[in-house]
PDB file of N, CA and C in Angstrom:
ATOM      1  N   UNK A   1       0.761  -1.177   0.103  1.00  0.00           N
ATOM      2  CA  UNK A   1       0.050   0.122   0.029  1.00  0.00           C
ATOM      3  C   UNK A   1       0.932   1.141  -0.035  1.00  0.00           C
ATOM      4  N   UNK A   2       0.664   2.190  -0.902  1.00  0.00           N
ATOM      5  CA  UNK A   2       1.337   3.403  -0.873  1.00  0.00           C
ATOM      6  C   UNK A   2       0.788   4.385   0.241  1.00  0.00           C
ATOM      7  N   UNK A   3       1.527   5.332   0.316  1.00  0.00           N
ATOM      8  CA  UNK A   3       1.018   6.389   1.253  1.00  0.00           C
ATOM      9  C   UNK A   3      -0.233   7.044   0.730  1.00  0.00           C
ATOM     10  N   UNK A   4      -1.065   7.212   1.775  1.00  0.00           N
ATOM     11  CA  UNK A   4      -2.498   7.973   1.403  1.00  0.00           C
ATOM     12  C   UNK A   4      -2.302   9.421   1.399  1.00  0.00           C
ATOM     13  N   UNK A   5      -2.825  10.036   0.568  1.00  0.00           N
ATOM     14  CA  UNK A   5      -2.860  11.425   0.435  1.00  0.00           C
ATOM     15  C   UNK A   5      -4.246  11.928   1.204  1.00  0.00           C
ATOM     16  N   UNK A   6      -4.149  12.676   2.353  1.00  0.00           N
ATOM     17  CA  UNK A   6      -5.244  12.938   2.904  1.00  0.00           C
ATOM     18  C   UNK A   6      -6.309  13.815   1.954  1.00  0.00           C
ATOM     19  N   UNK A   7      -7.542  13.582   2.004  1.00  0.00           N
ATOM     20  CA  UNK A   7      -8.432  14.262   1.358  1.00  0.00           C
ATOM     21  C   UNK A   7      -8.600  15.873   1.882  1.00  0.00           C
ATOM     22  N   UNK A   8      -9.565  16.364   1.502  1.00  0.00           N
ATOM     23  CA  UNK A   8     -10.002  17.915   2.009  1.00  0.00           C
ATOM     24  C   UNK A   8     -10.352  17.756   3.402  1.00  0.00           C
ATOM     25  N   UNK A   9     -11.139  16.761   3.825  1.00  0.00           N
ATOM     26  CA  UNK A   9     -11.502  16.587   5.152  1.00  0.00           C
ATOM     27  C   UNK A   9     -10.262  16.237   6.121  1.00  0.00           C
ATOM     28  N   UNK A  10      -9.357  15.432   5.605  1.00  0.00           N
ATOM     29  CA  UNK A  10      -8.070  15.269   6.549  1.00  0.00           C
ATOM     30  C   UNK A  10      -7.247  16.546   6.740  1.00  0.00           C
ATOM     31  N   UNK A  11      -7.143  17.305   5.658  1.00  0.00           N
ATOM     32  CA  UNK A  11      -6.538  18.639   5.744  1.00  0.00           C
ATOM     33  C   UNK A  11      -7.161  19.511   6.647  1.00  0.00           C
ATOM     34  N   UNK A  12      -8.369  19.625   6.565  1.00  0.00           N
ATOM     35  CA  UNK A  12      -9.299  20.602   7.435  1.00  0.00           C
ATOM     36  C   UNK A  12      -9.236  20.082   8.901  1.00  0.00           C
ATOM     37  N   UNK A  13      -9.380  18.848   9.102  1.00  0.00           N
ATOM     38  CA  UNK A  13      -9.190  18.335  10.562  1.00  0.00           C
ATOM     39  C   UNK A  13      -7.953  18.605  11.025  1.00  0.00           C
ATOM     40  N   UNK A  14      -6.856  18.406  10.371  1.00  0.00           N
ATOM     41  CA  UNK A  14      -5.521  18.637  10.749  1.00  0.00           C
ATOM     42  C   UNK A  14      -5.249  20.055  11.109  1.00  0.00           C
ATOM     43  N   UNK A  15      -5.955  21.024  10.260  1.00  0.00           N
ATOM     44  CA  UNK A  15      -5.663  22.363  10.567  1.00  0.00           C
ATOM     45  C   UNK A  15      -6.619  22.897  11.647  1.00  0.00           C
ATOM     46  N   UNK A  16      -7.548  22.247  12.322  1.00  0.00           N
ATOM     47  CA  UNK A  16      -8.469  22.595  13.430  1.00  0.00           C
ATOM     48  C   UNK A  16      -9.808  23.072  12.781  1.00  0.00           C
ATOM     49  N   UNK A  17     -10.335  22.668  11.671  1.00  0.00           N
ATOM     50  CA  UNK A  17     -11.538  23.269  11.188  1.00  0.00           C
ATOM     51  C   UNK A  17     -12.583  22.264  11.356  1.00  0.00           C
ATOM     52  N   UNK A  18     -12.375  21.259  12.102  1.00  0.00           N
ATOM     53  CA  UNK A  18     -13.344  20.234  12.327  1.00  0.00           C
ATOM     54  C   UNK A  18     -14.687  20.469  12.872  1.00  0.00           C
ATOM     55  N   UNK A  19     -14.566  21.690  13.657  1.00  0.00           N
ATOM     56  CA  UNK A  19     -15.808  22.241  14.131  1.00  0.00           C
ATOM     57  C   UNK A  19     -16.880  22.561  13.075  1.00  0.00           C
ATOM     58  N   UNK A  20     -16.207  23.308  12.111  1.00  0.00           N
ATOM     59  CA  UNK A  20     -17.016  23.849  11.032  1.00  0.00           C
ATOM     60  C   UNK A  20     -17.704  22.646  10.326  1.00  0.00           C
ATOM     61  N   UNK A  21     -16.908  21.657  10.043  1.00  0.00           N
ATOM     62  CA  UNK A  21     -17.386  20.445   9.236  1.00  0.00           C
ATOM     63  C   UNK A  21     -18.610  19.824   9.963  1.00  0.00           C
ATOM     64  N   UNK A  22     -18.288  19.609  11.298  1.00  0.00           N
ATOM     65  CA  UNK A  22     -19.383  18.901  12.023  1.00  0.00           C
ATOM     66  C   UNK A  22     -20.648  19.768  12.017  1.00  0.00           C
ATOM     67  N   UNK A  23     -20.547  21.095  12.159  1.00  0.00           N
ATOM     68  CA  UNK A  23     -21.779  21.683  12.117  1.00  0.00           C
ATOM     69  C   UNK A  23     -22.450  21.622  10.781  1.00  0.00           C
ATOM     70  N   UNK A  24     -21.854  21.647   9.617  1.00  0.00           N
ATOM     71  CA  UNK A  24     -22.421  21.354   8.379  1.00  0.00           C
ATOM     72  C   UNK A  24     -22.989  19.992   8.190  1.00  0.00           C
ATOM     73  N   UNK A  25     -22.390  19.045   8.789  1.00  0.00           N
ATOM     74  CA  UNK A  25     -22.742  17.646   8.721  1.00  0.00           C
ATOM     75  C   UNK A  25     -24.137  17.398   9.611  1.00  0.00           C
ATOM     76  N   UNK A  26     -24.028  17.989  10.776  1.00  0.00           N
ATOM     77  CA  UNK A  26     -25.275  17.723  11.705  1.00  0.00           C
ATOM     78  C   UNK A  26     -26.176  18.912  11.884  1.00  0.00           C
ATOM     79  N   UNK A  27     -26.420  19.625  10.678  1.00  0.00           N
ATOM     80  CA  UNK A  27     -27.481  20.752  11.016  1.00  0.00           C
ATOM     81  C   UNK A  27     -28.874  20.206  11.028  1.00  0.00           C
ATOM     82  N   UNK A  28     -29.078  19.044  10.598  1.00  0.00           N
ATOM     83  CA  UNK A  28     -30.598  18.648  10.957  1.00  0.00           C
ATOM     84  C   UNK A  28     -30.635  17.892  11.992  1.00  0.00           C
ATOM     85  N   UNK A  29     -29.492  17.271  12.566  1.00  0.00           N
ATOM     86  CA  UNK A  29     -29.560  16.616  13.904  1.00  0.00           C
ATOM     87  C   UNK A  29     -30.044  17.477  15.018  1.00  0.00           C
ATOM     88  N   UNK A  30     -29.633  18.791  14.940  1.00  0.00           N
ATOM     89  CA  UNK A  30     -30.062  19.801  16.100  1.00  0.00           C
ATOM     90  C   UNK A  30     -31.347  20.442  15.783  1.00  0.00           C
ATOM     91  N   UNK A  31     -32.069  20.108  14.860  1.00  0.00           N
ATOM     92  CA  UNK A  31     -33.397  20.901  14.593  1.00  0.00           C
ATOM     93  C   UNK A  31     -34.483  20.694  15.787  1.00  0.00           C
ATOM     94  N   UNK A  32     -34.257  19.851  16.703  1.00  0.00           N
ATOM     95  CA  UNK A  32     -35.319  19.635  17.820  1.00  0.00           C
ATOM     96  C   UNK A  32     -35.010  20.612  18.947  1.00  0.00           C
ATOM     97  N   UNK A  33     -33.708  21.092  18.809  1.00  0.00           N
ATOM     98  CA  UNK A  33     -33.275  22.123  20.102  1.00  0.00           C
ATOM     99  C   UNK A  33     -34.121  23.256  20.042  1.00  0.00           C
ATOM    100  N   UNK A  34     -34.148  23.926  21.403  1.00  0.00           N
ATOM    101  CA  UNK A  34     -34.876  25.207  21.343  1.00  0.00           C
ATOM    102  C   UNK A  34     -33.880  26.281  20.813  1.00  0.00           C
ATOM    103  N   UNK A  35     -34.766  27.263  20.249  1.00  0.00           N
ATOM    104  CA  UNK A  35     -33.786  28.415  19.691  1.00  0.00           C
ATOM    105  C   UNK A  35     -33.282  29.216  20.710  1.00  0.00           C
ATOM    106  N   UNK A  36     -32.033  29.622  20.856  1.00  0.00           N
ATOM    107  CA  UNK A  36     -31.397  30.380  21.915  1.00  0.00           C
ATOM    108  C   UNK A  36     -30.840  31.739  21.287  1.00  0.00           C
ATOM    109  N   UNK A  37     -30.953  32.616  22.242  1.00  0.00           N
ATOM    110  CA  UNK A  37     -30.156  33.933  21.982  1.00  0.00           C
ATOM    111  C   UNK A  37     -29.224  34.050  22.830  1.00  0.00           C
ATOM    112  N   UNK A  38     -28.033  33.737  22.236  1.00  0.00           N
ATOM    113  CA  UNK A  38     -26.792  33.651  23.318  1.00  0.00           C
ATOM    114  C   UNK A  38     -27.036  32.463  24.118  1.00  0.00           C
ATOM    115  N   UNK A  39     -27.184  32.826  25.525  1.00  0.00           N
ATOM    116  CA  UNK A  39     -27.476  31.631  26.488  1.00  0.00           C
ATOM    117  C   UNK A  39     -28.886  31.637  26.847  1.00  0.00           C
ATOM    118  N   UNK A  40     -29.728  32.533  26.380  1.00  0.00           N
ATOM    119  CA  UNK A  40     -31.048  32.742  26.823  1.00  0.00           C
ATOM    120  C   UNK A  40     -32.057  32.045  25.944  1.00  0.00           C
ATOM    121  N   UNK A  41     -32.987  31.345  26.401  1.00  0.00           N
ATOM    122  CA  UNK A  41     -34.081  30.611  25.445  1.00  0.00           C
ATOM    123  C   UNK A  41     -34.626  31.835  24.774  1.00  0.00           C
ATOM    124  N   UNK A  42     -34.929  31.601  23.457  1.00  0.00           N
ATOM    125  CA  UNK A  42     -35.473  32.709  22.626  1.00  0.00           C
ATOM    126  C   UNK A  42     -37.059  33.124  22.975  1.00  0.00           C
ATOM    127  N   UNK A  43     -37.641  32.238  23.553  1.00  0.00           N
ATOM    128  CA  UNK A  43     -39.026  32.513  23.998  1.00  0.00           C
ATOM    129  C   UNK A  43     -38.974  33.433  25.326  1.00  0.00           C
ATOM    130  N   UNK A  44     -37.850  33.319  26.019  1.00  0.00           N
ATOM    131  CA  UNK A  44     -37.642  34.190  27.300  1.00  0.00           C
ATOM    132  C   UNK A  44     -37.060  35.518  26.916  1.00  0.00           C
ATOM    133  N   UNK A  45     -36.449  35.615  25.816  1.00  0.00           N
ATOM    134  CA  UNK A  45     -35.761  36.731  25.296  1.00  0.00           C
ATOM    135  C   UNK A  45     -36.696  37.609  24.662  1.00  0.00           C
ATOM    136  N   UNK A  46     -37.937  37.335  24.454  1.00  0.00           N
ATOM    137  CA  UNK A  46     -39.105  38.232  23.990  1.00  0.00           C
ATOM    138  C   UNK A  46     -39.342  39.613  24.762  1.00  0.00           C
ATOM    139  N   UNK A  47     -39.366  39.297  26.043  1.00  0.00           N
ATOM    140  CA  UNK A  47     -39.441  40.682  26.870  1.00  0.00           C
ATOM    141  C   UNK A  47     -38.323  41.669  26.538  1.00  0.00           C
ATOM    142  N   UNK A  48     -37.058  41.198  26.244  1.00  0.00           N
ATOM    143  CA  UNK A  48     -36.131  41.960  25.937  1.00  0.00           C
ATOM    144  C   UNK A  48     -36.341  42.833  24.617  1.00  0.00           C
ATOM    145  N   UNK A  49     -37.001  42.104  23.515  1.00  0.00           N
ATOM    146  CA  UNK A  49     -37.328  42.761  22.456  1.00  0.00           C
ATOM    147  C   UNK A  49     -38.396  44.017  22.845  1.00  0.00           C
ATOM    148  N   UNK A  50     -39.277  43.612  23.647  1.00  0.00           N
ATOM    149  CA  UNK A  50     -40.326  44.680  23.954  1.00  0.00           C
ATOM    150  C   UNK A  50     -39.586  45.889  24.574  1.00  0.00           C
ATOM    151  N   UNK A  51     -38.534  45.519  25.495  1.00  0.00           N
ATOM    152  CA  UNK A  51     -37.757  46.655  25.964  1.00  0.00           C
ATOM    153  C   UNK A  51     -37.095  47.490  24.993  1.00  0.00           C
ATOM    154  N   UNK A  52     -36.542  46.747  24.000  1.00  0.00           N
ATOM    155  CA  UNK A  52     -35.859  47.546  23.001  1.00  0.00           C
ATOM    156  C   UNK A  52     -36.817  48.361  22.093  1.00  0.00           C
ATOM    157  N   UNK A  53     -37.994  47.948  21.980  1.00  0.00           N
ATOM    158  CA  UNK A  53     -38.906  48.794  21.263  1.00  0.00           C
ATOM    159  C   UNK A  53     -39.531  49.921  22.072  1.00  0.00           C
ATOM    160  N   UNK A  54     -39.740  49.712  23.348  1.00  0.00           N
ATOM    161  CA  UNK A  54     -40.102  50.899  24.359  1.00  0.00           C
ATOM    162  C   UNK A  54     -39.348  50.960  25.319  1.00  0.00           C
ATOM    163  N   UNK A  55     -38.294  51.671  25.164  1.00  0.00           N
ATOM    164  CA  UNK A  55     -37.231  51.895  26.304  1.00  0.00           C
ATOM    165  C   UNK A  55     -37.640  52.839  27.442  1.00  0.00           C
ATOM    166  N   UNK A  56     -38.000  52.259  28.453  1.00  0.00           N
ATOM    167  CA  UNK A  56     -38.239  52.911  29.705  1.00  0.00           C
ATOM    168  C   UNK A  56     -37.600  52.134  30.750  1.00  0.00           C
ATOM    169  N   UNK A  57     -37.713  52.661  32.021  1.00  0.00           N
ATOM    170  CA  UNK A  57     -37.214  52.045  33.309  1.00  0.00           C
ATOM    171  C   UNK A  57     -37.978  50.878  33.507  1.00  0.00           C
ATOM    172  N   UNK A  58     -39.357  51.088  33.454  1.00  0.00           N
ATOM    173  CA  UNK A  58     -40.273  50.023  33.912  1.00  0.00           C
ATOM    174  C   UNK A  58     -40.353  48.935  33.032  1.00  0.00           C
ATOM    175  N   UNK A  59     -40.367  49.101  31.766  1.00  0.00           N
ATOM    176  CA  UNK A  59     -40.105  47.937  30.794  1.00  0.00           C
ATOM    177  C   UNK A  59     -38.635  47.229  31.045  1.00  0.00           C
ATOM    178  N   UNK A  60     -37.745  48.029  31.366  1.00  0.00           N
ATOM    179  CA  UNK A  60     -36.443  47.325  31.538  1.00  0.00           C
ATOM    180  C   UNK A  60     -36.508  46.499  32.773  1.00  0.00           C
ATOM    181  N   UNK A  61     -37.100  46.884  33.852  1.00  0.00           N
ATOM    182  CA  UNK A  61     -37.093  46.103  35.047  1.00  0.00           C
ATOM    183  C   UNK A  61     -38.158  44.833  34.829  1.00  0.00           C
ATOM    184  N   UNK A  62     -39.215  45.137  34.033  1.00  0.00           N
ATOM    185  CA  UNK A  62     -40.106  44.120  33.885  1.00  0.00           C
ATOM    186  C   UNK A  62     -39.630  43.011  32.920  1.00  0.00           C
ATOM    187  N   UNK A  63     -38.730  43.610  32.047  1.00  0.00           N
ATOM    188  CA  UNK A  63     -38.020  42.537  31.020  1.00  0.00           C
ATOM    189  C   UNK A  63     -37.094  41.729  31.758  1.00  0.00           C
ATOM    190  N   UNK A  64     -36.351  42.440  32.681  1.00  0.00           N
ATOM    191  CA  UNK A  64     -35.254  41.659  33.526  1.00  0.00           C
ATOM    192  C   UNK A  64     -35.921  40.580  34.422  1.00  0.00           C
ATOM    193  N   UNK A  65     -37.012  40.969  35.189  1.00  0.00           N
ATOM    194  CA  UNK A  65     -37.619  40.054  36.012  1.00  0.00           C
ATOM    195  C   UNK A  65     -38.105  38.880  35.356  1.00  0.00           C
ATOM    196  N   UNK A  66     -38.879  39.021  34.153  1.00  0.00           N
ATOM    197  CA  UNK A  66     -39.462  37.955  33.360  1.00  0.00           C
ATOM    198  C   UNK A  66     -38.348  37.089  32.824  1.00  0.00           C
ATOM    199  N   UNK A  67     -37.322  37.557  32.279  1.00  0.00           N
ATOM    200  CA  UNK A  67     -36.132  37.025  31.747  1.00  0.00           C
ATOM    201  C   UNK A  67     -35.482  36.047  32.969  1.00  0.00           C
ATOM    202  N   UNK A  68     -35.366  36.792  34.048  1.00  0.00           N
ATOM    203  CA  UNK A  68     -34.814  36.016  35.252  1.00  0.00           C
ATOM    204  C   UNK A  68     -35.647  34.770  35.493  1.00  0.00           C
ATOM    205  N   UNK A  69     -36.905  35.017  35.488  1.00  0.00           N
ATOM    206  CA  UNK A  69     -37.948  34.043  35.983  1.00  0.00           C
ATOM    207  C   UNK A  69     -37.741  32.771  34.923  1.00  0.00           C
ATOM    208  N   UNK A  70     -37.658  33.106  33.627  1.00  0.00           N
ATOM    209  CA  UNK A  70     -37.643  32.144  32.550  1.00  0.00           C
ATOM    210  C   UNK A  70     -36.335  31.467  32.724  1.00  0.00           C
ATOM    211  N   UNK A  71     -35.297  32.111  33.103  1.00  0.00           N
ATOM    212  CA  UNK A  71     -33.928  31.406  33.186  1.00  0.00           C
ATOM    213  C   UNK A  71     -33.883  30.629  34.332  1.00  0.00           C
ATOM    214  N   UNK A  72     -34.702  31.015  35.560  1.00  0.00           N
ATOM    215  CA  UNK A  72     -34.641  30.071  36.797  1.00  0.00           C
ATOM    216  C   UNK A  72     -35.363  28.786  36.337  1.00  0.00           C
ATOM    217  N   UNK A  73     -36.586  28.848  35.663  1.00  0.00           N
ATOM    218  CA  UNK A  73     -37.268  27.625  35.563  1.00  0.00           C
ATOM    219  C   UNK A  73     -36.579  26.796  34.527  1.00  0.00           C
ATOM    220  N   UNK A  74     -35.781  27.453  33.506  1.00  0.00           N
ATOM    221  CA  UNK A  74     -35.027  26.617  32.559  1.00  0.00           C
ATOM    222  C   UNK A  74     -33.849  25.911  33.444  1.00  0.00           C
ATOM    223  N   UNK A  75     -33.238  26.482  34.375  1.00  0.00           N
ATOM    224  CA  UNK A  75     -32.202  25.898  35.082  1.00  0.00           C
ATOM    225  C   UNK A  75     -32.828  24.631  35.880  1.00  0.00           C
ATOM    226  N   UNK A  76     -34.050  24.682  36.193  1.00  0.00           N
ATOM    227  CA  UNK A  76     -34.837  23.480  36.737  1.00  0.00           C
ATOM    228  C   UNK A  76     -35.104  22.473  35.872  1.00  0.00           C
ATOM    229  N   UNK A  77     -34.854  22.778  34.516  1.00  0.00           N
ATOM    230  CA  UNK A  77     -35.325  21.662  33.484  1.00  0.00           C
ATOM    231  C   UNK A  77     -36.745  21.815  33.004  1.00  0.00           C
ATOM    232  N   UNK A  78     -37.266  22.896  33.170  1.00  0.00           N
ATOM    233  CA  UNK A  78     -38.784  23.124  32.788  1.00  0.00           C
ATOM    234  C   UNK A  78     -38.656  24.206  31.573  1.00  0.00           C
ATOM    235  N   UNK A  79     -39.630  24.178  30.640  1.00  0.00           N
ATOM    236  CA  UNK A  79     -39.682  25.146  29.700  1.00  0.00           C
ATOM    237  C   UNK A  79     -41.038  26.105  29.925  1.00  0.00           C
ATOM    238  N   UNK A  80     -41.123  27.098  29.243  1.00  0.00           N
ATOM    239  CA  UNK A  80     -42.250  28.059  29.376  1.00  0.00           C
ATOM    240  C   UNK A  80     -43.541  27.262  29.304  1.00  0.00           C
ATOM    241  N   UNK A  81     -43.667  26.668  28.289  1.00  0.00           N
ATOM    242  CA  UNK A  81     -44.987  25.739  28.034  1.00  0.00           C
ATOM    243  C   UNK A  81     -45.237  24.882  29.073  1.00  0.00           C
ATOM    244  N   UNK A  82     -44.245  24.123  29.781  1.00  0.00           N
ATOM    245  CA  UNK A  82     -44.533  23.268  30.776  1.00  0.00           C
ATOM    246  C   UNK A  82     -45.146  23.998  31.864  1.00  0.00           C
ATOM    247  N   UNK A  83     -44.437  25.217  32.258  1.00  0.00           N
ATOM    248  CA  UNK A  83     -44.814  25.853  33.532  1.00  0.00           C
ATOM    249  C   UNK A  83     -46.337  26.510  33.061  1.00  0.00           C
ATOM    250  N   UNK A  84     -46.600  26.819  32.025  1.00  0.00           N
ATOM    251  CA  UNK A  84     -48.066  27.277  31.722  1.00  0.00           C
ATOM    252  C   UNK A  84     -48.878  26.178  32.064  1.00  0.00           C
ATOM    253  N   UNK A  85     -48.683  24.944  31.590  1.00  0.00           N
ATOM    254  CA  UNK A  85     -49.534  23.781  31.748  1.00  0.00           C
ATOM    255  C   UNK A  85     -49.609  23.482  33.264  1.00  0.00           C
ATOM    256  N   UNK A  86     -48.593  23.557  34.056  1.00  0.00           N
ATOM    257  CA  UNK A  86     -48.661  23.396  35.468  1.00  0.00           C
ATOM    258  C   UNK A  86     -49.565  24.431  36.154  1.00  0.00           C
ATOM    259  N   UNK A  87     -49.607  25.581  35.846  1.00  0.00           N
ATOM    260  CA  UNK A  87     -50.278  26.824  36.294  1.00  0.00           C
ATOM    261  C   UNK A  87     -51.618  26.735  35.978  1.00  0.00           C
ATOM    262  N   UNK A  88     -51.963  26.217  34.608  1.00  0.00           N
ATOM    263  CA  UNK A  88     -53.218  25.930  34.167  1.00  0.00           C
ATOM    264  C   UNK A  88     -54.014  24.942  34.768  1.00  0.00           C
ATOM    265  N   UNK A  89     -53.287  23.772  35.015  1.00  0.00           N
ATOM    266  CA  UNK A  89     -53.737  22.513  35.868  1.00  0.00           C
ATOM    267  C   UNK A  89     -54.063  22.936  37.282  1.00  0.00           C
ATOM    268  N   UNK A  90     -53.177  23.757  37.919  1.00  0.00           N
ATOM    269  CA  UNK A  90     -53.444  24.147  39.321  1.00  0.00           C
ATOM    270  C   UNK A  90     -54.869  24.947  39.311  1.00  0.00           C
ATOM    271  N   UNK A  91     -55.124  25.924  38.490  1.00  0.00           N
ATOM    272  CA  UNK A  91     -56.469  26.526  38.326  1.00  0.00           C
ATOM    273  C   UNK A  91     -57.538  25.852  38.001  1.00  0.00           C
ATOM    274  N   UNK A  92     -57.435  24.819  37.099  1.00  0.00           N
ATOM    275  CA  UNK A  92     -58.483  24.126  36.589  1.00  0.00           C
ATOM    276  C   UNK A  92     -58.997  22.949  37.613  1.00  0.00           C
ATOM    277  N   UNK A  93     -58.000  22.499  38.430  1.00  0.00           N
ATOM    278  CA  UNK A  93     -58.419  21.430  39.317  1.00  0.00           C
ATOM    279  C   UNK A  93     -58.267  20.077  38.583  1.00  0.00           C
ATOM    280  N   UNK A  94     -58.472  19.092  39.528  1.00  0.00           N
ATOM    281  CA  UNK A  94     -58.311  17.720  39.094  1.00  0.00           C
ATOM    282  C   UNK A  94     -59.421  17.113  38.161  1.00  0.00           C
ATOM    283  N   UNK A  95     -60.525  17.756  38.323  1.00  0.00           N
ATOM    284  CA  UNK A  95     -61.879  17.265  37.622  1.00  0.00           C
ATOM    285  C   UNK A  95     -61.717  17.459  36.081  1.00  0.00           C
ATOM    286  N   UNK A  96     -61.792  16.475  35.430  1.00  0.00           N
ATOM    287  CA  UNK A  96     -61.816  16.616  33.864  1.00  0.00           C
ATOM    288  C   UNK A  96     -63.259  16.456  33.378  1.00  0.00           C
ATOM    289  N   UNK A  97     -63.883  17.300  32.781  1.00  0.00           N
ATOM    290  CA  UNK A  97     -65.240  17.157  32.281  1.00  0.00           C
ATOM    291  C   UNK A  97     -65.226  16.860  30.889  1.00  0.00           C
ATOM    292  N   UNK A  98     -66.124  16.004  30.499  1.00  0.00           N
ATOM    293  CA  UNK A  98     -66.225  15.736  28.977  1.00  0.00           C
ATOM    294  C   UNK A  98     -67.306  16.738  28.307  1.00  0.00           C
ATOM    295  N   UNK A  99     -68.166  17.263  29.221  1.00  0.00           N
ATOM    296  CA  UNK A  99     -69.001  18.331  28.592  1.00  0.00           C
ATOM    297  C   UNK A  99     -68.870  19.610  29.290  1.00  0.00           C
ATOM    298  N   UNK A 100     -69.172  20.662  28.868  1.00  0.00           N
ATOM    299  CA  UNK A 100     -69.002  22.022  29.421  1.00  0.00           C
ATOM    300  C   UNK A 100     -70.010  21.966  30.758  1.00  0.00           C
ATOM    301  N   UNK A 101     -69.641  23.073  31.593  1.00  0.00           N
ATOM    302  CA  UNK A 101     -70.399  23.037  32.748  1.00  0.00           C
ATOM    303  C   UNK A 101     -72.064  23.297  32.715  1.00  0.00           C
ATOM    304  N   UNK A 102     -72.267  24.018  31.443  1.00  0.00           N
ATOM    305  CA  UNK A 102     -73.746  24.462  31.354  1.00  0.00           C
ATOM    306  C   UNK A 102     -74.417  23.324  30.790  1.00  0.00           C
ATOM    307  N   UNK A 103     -73.815  22.139  30.213  1.00  0.00           N
ATOM    308  CA  UNK A 103     -74.640  21.174  29.776  1.00  0.00           C
ATOM    309  C   UNK A 103     -74.373  19.882  30.634  1.00  0.00           C
ATOM    310  N   UNK A 104     -74.032  20.014  31.887  1.00  0.00           N
ATOM    311  CA  UNK A 104     -73.872  18.947  32.786  1.00  0.00           C
ATOM    312  C   UNK A 104     -75.283  18.723  33.224  1.00  0.00           C
ATOM    313  N   UNK A 105     -75.563  17.418  33.668  1.00  0.00           N
ATOM    314  CA  UNK A 105     -76.759  17.109  34.445  1.00  0.00           C
ATOM    315  C   UNK A 105     -76.535  17.368  35.916  1.00  0.00           C
ATOM    316  N   UNK A 106     -77.086  18.223  36.524  1.00  0.00           N
ATOM    317  CA  UNK A 106     -76.776  18.687  37.865  1.00  0.00           C
ATOM    318  C   UNK A 106     -77.140  17.856  38.794  1.00  0.00           C
ATOM    319  N   UNK A 107     -78.491  17.292  38.656  1.00  0.00           N
ATOM    320  CA  UNK A 107     -79.031  16.275  39.626  1.00  0.00           C
ATOM    321  C   UNK A 107     -79.448  15.065  38.874  1.00  0.00           C
ATOM    322  N   UNK A 108     -79.068  13.828  39.635  1.00  0.00           N
ATOM    323  CA  UNK A 108     -79.252  12.662  38.969  1.00  0.00           C
ATOM    324  C   UNK A 108     -80.084  11.839  39.810  1.00  0.00           C
TER     325      UNK A 108
END
């Protein structure tokens, strides 16, 4: 066997460009991840966009509190939609009705 001449991939990996190649090869593998704006989840960065549109002190503090809240729940492994379901379940209660309350038979 003769000496192998490395292909373009071998040359790029040898020069330290392997990260760029991996990103190109795995772009569809990461499609299920949540979108992020730097280290913040994109859904929780929405209040920052509102602050940038309407720059006042109260929108700054409101955006900071909301983004911090979303950051804390993300730290515990929850997403905004999961927390919304938990809050909705808390207020709705444990009883699941198949009919609306106005069509329920009250007295049996």
